[in-house]
Amino acid sequence: MFGFWRLWLLATILALGWALVCFALTGDRGYLRRMRGIARWSGGLLAIVACFWLIFRLLR
């Protein structure tokens, strides 16, 4: 399970870094929208997994 979290965190950091570097180089605000989308998707995934984990722990 911790391998999944590490992979998820690494992928999120790389995607946010990529969007930030692209915005810095081009000045295109579309990359900021992509960063916002990545952050929302990542946060949503974290919330869903955390809810299922909490329910599993409470039922166990």
N, C-alpha and C. Protein backbone atom coordinates (compact mmCIF):
# COMPACT_ATOMS: atom_id res chain seq x y z
N MET A 1 0.83 -1.20 0.00
CA MET A 1 0.00 0.00 0.00
C MET A 1 0.87 1.26 0.00
N PHE A 2 1.98 1.22 0.75
CA PHE A 2 2.83 2.39 0.80
C PHE A 2 3.53 2.63 -0.54
N GLY A 3 3.76 1.56 -1.30
CA GLY A 3 4.32 1.72 -2.63
C GLY A 3 3.40 2.52 -3.53
N PHE A 4 2.09 2.28 -3.40
CA PHE A 4 1.11 3.03 -4.18
C PHE A 4 1.16 4.51 -3.82
N TRP A 5 1.22 4.81 -2.54
CA TRP A 5 1.25 6.21 -2.11
C TRP A 5 2.51 6.91 -2.58
N ARG A 6 3.63 6.21 -2.52
CA ARG A 6 4.88 6.81 -3.00
C ARG A 6 4.81 7.08 -4.50
N LEU A 7 4.28 6.13 -5.25
CA LEU A 7 4.14 6.31 -6.69
C LEU A 7 3.19 7.45 -7.01
N TRP A 8 2.07 7.52 -6.30
CA TRP A 8 1.10 8.58 -6.49
C TRP A 8 1.72 9.94 -6.19
N LEU A 9 2.45 10.03 -5.08
CA LEU A 9 3.08 11.29 -4.69
C LEU A 9 4.13 11.71 -5.71
N LEU A 10 4.94 10.77 -6.16
CA LEU A 10 5.97 11.07 -7.15
C LEU A 10 5.35 11.55 -8.46
N ALA A 11 4.31 10.86 -8.92
CA ALA A 11 3.65 11.25 -10.16
C ALA A 11 3.01 12.63 -10.04
N THR A 12 2.40 12.91 -8.90
CA THR A 12 1.78 14.22 -8.70
C THR A 12 2.82 15.33 -8.68
N ILE A 13 3.91 15.11 -7.98
CA ILE A 13 4.96 16.12 -7.91
C ILE A 13 5.57 16.36 -9.30
N LEU A 14 5.80 15.29 -10.05
CA LEU A 14 6.35 15.45 -11.39
C LEU A 14 5.39 16.19 -12.31
N ALA A 15 4.10 15.87 -12.23
CA ALA A 15 3.12 16.54 -13.09
C ALA A 15 3.00 18.03 -12.73
N LEU A 16 2.96 18.34 -11.44
CA LEU A 16 2.88 19.74 -11.03
C LEU A 16 4.15 20.50 -11.42
N GLY A 17 5.29 19.87 -11.25
CA GLY A 17 6.55 20.49 -11.63
C GLY A 17 6.62 20.75 -13.13
N TRP A 18 6.17 19.77 -13.91
CA TRP A 18 6.15 19.93 -15.37
C TRP A 18 5.28 21.13 -15.76
N ALA A 19 4.09 21.21 -15.18
CA ALA A 19 3.19 22.32 -15.52
C ALA A 19 3.78 23.66 -15.08
N LEU A 20 4.42 23.68 -13.93
CA LEU A 20 5.02 24.92 -13.44
C LEU A 20 6.19 25.37 -14.32
N VAL A 21 7.03 24.44 -14.73
CA VAL A 21 8.16 24.77 -15.61
C VAL A 21 7.65 25.26 -16.96
N CYS A 22 6.65 24.57 -17.49
CA CYS A 22 6.09 24.99 -18.78
C CYS A 22 5.49 26.38 -18.69
N PHE A 23 4.79 26.68 -17.59
CA PHE A 23 4.23 28.03 -17.42
C PHE A 23 5.35 29.06 -17.31
N ALA A 24 6.40 28.74 -16.58
CA ALA A 24 7.52 29.67 -16.41
C ALA A 24 8.20 29.96 -17.75
N LEU A 25 8.30 28.94 -18.60
CA LEU A 25 8.98 29.12 -19.87
C LEU A 25 8.12 29.82 -20.92
N THR A 26 6.82 29.54 -20.92
CA THR A 26 5.97 30.07 -21.98
C THR A 26 5.07 31.22 -21.54
N GLY A 27 4.70 31.26 -20.27
CA GLY A 27 3.77 32.29 -19.80
C GLY A 27 2.33 31.98 -20.15
N ASP A 28 2.07 30.79 -20.67
CA ASP A 28 0.72 30.38 -21.06
C ASP A 28 -0.07 29.96 -19.81
N ARG A 29 -1.19 30.62 -19.57
CA ARG A 29 -1.98 30.33 -18.38
C ARG A 29 -2.72 28.99 -18.44
N GLY A 30 -2.72 28.36 -19.59
CA GLY A 30 -3.32 27.03 -19.72
C GLY A 30 -2.62 26.02 -18.83
N TYR A 31 -1.33 26.22 -18.63
CA TYR A 31 -0.60 25.32 -17.75
C TYR A 31 -1.01 25.48 -16.29
N LEU A 32 -1.41 26.70 -15.92
CA LEU A 32 -1.92 26.90 -14.56
C LEU A 32 -3.25 26.18 -14.38
N ARG A 33 -4.07 26.17 -15.41
CA ARG A 33 -5.33 25.43 -15.35
C ARG A 33 -5.06 23.93 -15.24
N ARG A 34 -4.04 23.46 -15.94
CA ARG A 34 -3.66 22.05 -15.82
C ARG A 34 -3.18 21.73 -14.42
N MET A 35 -2.42 22.65 -13.82
CA MET A 35 -1.96 22.43 -12.44
C MET A 35 -3.16 22.34 -11.49
N ARG A 36 -4.13 23.21 -11.69
CA ARG A 36 -5.32 23.18 -10.84
C ARG A 36 -6.08 21.87 -11.02
N GLY A 37 -6.19 21.41 -12.26
CA GLY A 37 -6.86 20.14 -12.52
C GLY A 37 -6.13 18.96 -11.90
N ILE A 38 -4.81 18.96 -12.00
CA ILE A 38 -4.02 17.90 -11.39
C ILE A 38 -4.18 17.90 -9.88
N ALA A 39 -4.17 19.10 -9.28
CA ALA A 39 -4.33 19.19 -7.83
C ALA A 39 -5.71 18.73 -7.39
N ARG A 40 -6.74 19.09 -8.14
CA ARG A 40 -8.10 18.64 -7.79
C ARG A 40 -8.24 17.14 -7.93
N TRP A 41 -7.75 16.58 -9.03
CA TRP A 41 -7.83 15.14 -9.26
C TRP A 41 -7.07 14.39 -8.17
N SER A 42 -5.90 14.87 -7.86
CA SER A 42 -5.07 14.23 -6.85
C SER A 42 -5.73 14.31 -5.47
N GLY A 43 -6.26 15.46 -5.14
CA GLY A 43 -6.96 15.61 -3.86
C GLY A 43 -8.21 14.77 -3.78
N GLY A 44 -8.94 14.68 -4.88
CA GLY A 44 -10.14 13.84 -4.92
C GLY A 44 -9.80 12.37 -4.74
N LEU A 45 -8.75 11.93 -5.41
CA LEU A 45 -8.31 10.55 -5.26
C LEU A 45 -7.90 10.27 -3.82
N LEU A 46 -7.17 11.19 -3.23
CA LEU A 46 -6.75 11.04 -1.84
C LEU A 46 -7.96 10.97 -0.91
N ALA A 47 -8.95 11.81 -1.12
CA ALA A 47 -10.15 11.81 -0.27
C ALA A 47 -10.93 10.50 -0.41
N ILE A 48 -11.08 10.01 -1.63
CA ILE A 48 -11.82 8.76 -1.84
C ILE A 48 -11.12 7.59 -1.19
N VAL A 49 -9.82 7.48 -1.40
CA VAL A 49 -9.07 6.37 -0.80
C VAL A 49 -9.07 6.47 0.71
N ALA A 50 -8.94 7.69 1.25
CA ALA A 50 -8.95 7.87 2.70
C ALA A 50 -10.31 7.48 3.29
N CYS A 51 -11.39 7.82 2.60
CA CYS A 51 -12.73 7.44 3.10
C CYS A 51 -12.90 5.92 3.12
N PHE A 52 -12.50 5.25 2.04
CA PHE A 52 -12.61 3.80 2.02
C PHE A 52 -11.72 3.16 3.09
N TRP A 53 -10.52 3.70 3.28
CA TRP A 53 -9.61 3.16 4.30
C TRP A 53 -10.21 3.34 5.69
N LEU A 54 -10.80 4.51 5.95
CA LEU A 54 -11.40 4.78 7.24
C LEU A 54 -12.60 3.86 7.50
N ILE A 55 -13.44 3.68 6.49
CA ILE A 55 -14.60 2.78 6.63
C ILE A 55 -14.12 1.35 6.90
N PHE A 56 -13.13 0.92 6.16
CA PHE A 56 -12.58 -0.42 6.36
C PHE A 56 -12.03 -0.58 7.78
N ARG A 57 -11.32 0.44 8.27
CA ARG A 57 -10.75 0.36 9.62
C ARG A 57 -11.85 0.36 10.69
N LEU A 58 -12.92 1.11 10.46
CA LEU A 58 -13.99 1.16 11.45
C LEU A 58 -14.81 -0.13 11.46
N LEU A 59 -14.98 -0.76 10.31
CA LEU A 59 -15.76 -2.00 10.24
C LEU A 59 -14.97 -3.21 10.72
N ARG A 60 -13.69 -3.10 10.73
CA ARG A 60 -12.83 -4.19 11.11
C ARG A 60 -12.73 -4.31 12.56
